[in-house]
Protein backbone atom coordinates (compact mmCIF):
# COMPACT_ATOMS: atom_id res chain seq x y z
CA UNK A 1 -0.01 -0.01 -0.01
CA UNK A 2 1.39 3.45 -0.88
CA UNK A 3 2.50 5.54 2.05
CA UNK A 4 3.53 9.18 2.61
CA UNK A 5 6.98 8.54 1.13
CA UNK A 6 5.39 7.13 -2.01
CA UNK A 7 3.14 10.20 -2.28
CA UNK A 8 6.14 12.51 -2.01
CA UNK A 9 8.10 10.48 -4.59
CA UNK A 10 5.08 10.50 -6.94
CA UNK A 11 4.76 14.28 -6.66
CA UNK A 12 8.50 14.66 -7.36
CA UNK A 13 8.22 12.36 -10.37
CA UNK A 14 5.31 14.40 -11.74
CA UNK A 15 7.28 17.63 -11.32
CA UNK A 16 10.39 16.22 -13.04
CA UNK A 17 8.31 14.95 -15.97
CA UNK A 18 6.33 18.19 -16.22
CA UNK A 19 9.62 20.11 -16.52
CA UNK A 20 10.35 17.91 -19.56
CA UNK A 21 6.97 18.73 -21.03
CA UNK A 22 5.40 15.39 -20.10
CA UNK A 23 2.28 14.69 -18.06
CA UNK A 24 1.65 11.73 -15.79
CA UNK A 25 -1.60 11.34 -13.86
CA UNK A 26 -1.34 11.24 -10.07
CA UNK A 27 -2.51 7.64 -9.83
CA UNK A 28 -0.07 6.63 -12.57
CA UNK A 29 2.78 8.36 -10.68
CA UNK A 30 1.83 6.41 -7.51
CA UNK A 31 1.75 3.16 -9.47
CA UNK A 32 5.14 3.91 -11.00
CA UNK A 33 6.94 4.80 -7.75
CA UNK A 34 5.44 1.74 -6.03
CA UNK A 35 6.73 -0.48 -8.84
CA UNK A 36 10.14 1.16 -8.62
CA UNK A 37 10.24 0.90 -4.81
CA UNK A 38 9.61 -2.84 -4.84
CA UNK A 39 11.62 -3.52 -8.01
CA UNK A 40 8.56 -4.75 -9.87
CA UNK A 41 7.81 -5.02 -13.58
CA UNK A 42 4.71 -3.08 -14.50
CA UNK A 43 2.33 -4.90 -16.85
CA UNK A 44 0.54 -2.22 -18.83
CA UNK A 45 -0.60 -1.09 -22.24
CA UNK A 46 -0.55 2.56 -21.08
CA UNK A 47 2.11 4.42 -23.04
CA UNK A 48 2.28 7.20 -20.45
CA UNK A 49 4.59 5.05 -18.37
CA UNK A 50 7.29 5.19 -21.07
CA UNK A 51 8.33 8.54 -19.64
CA UNK A 52 9.25 7.08 -16.25
CA UNK A 53 12.99 6.50 -15.97
CA UNK A 54 14.16 3.03 -14.86
CA UNK A 55 10.62 1.63 -14.80
CA UNK A 56 10.49 -1.90 -16.19
CA UNK A 57 7.38 -2.40 -18.28
CA UNK A 58 5.86 -5.26 -20.20
CA UNK A 59 2.90 -5.06 -22.56
CA UNK A 60 0.75 -8.14 -22.17
């Protein structure tokens, strides 16, 4: 379950991406930082996650 640290990391991720001209929804940012925190591979067809550095994704 996401905690306060995850929320802060998600906000930081959104800010970093926004500075690059990219948008990531709040819930997507939380999903991404949770996957990164636990070293998970995210199974998704959502192309928005391509912008997240170091996030492992698979399209099933």
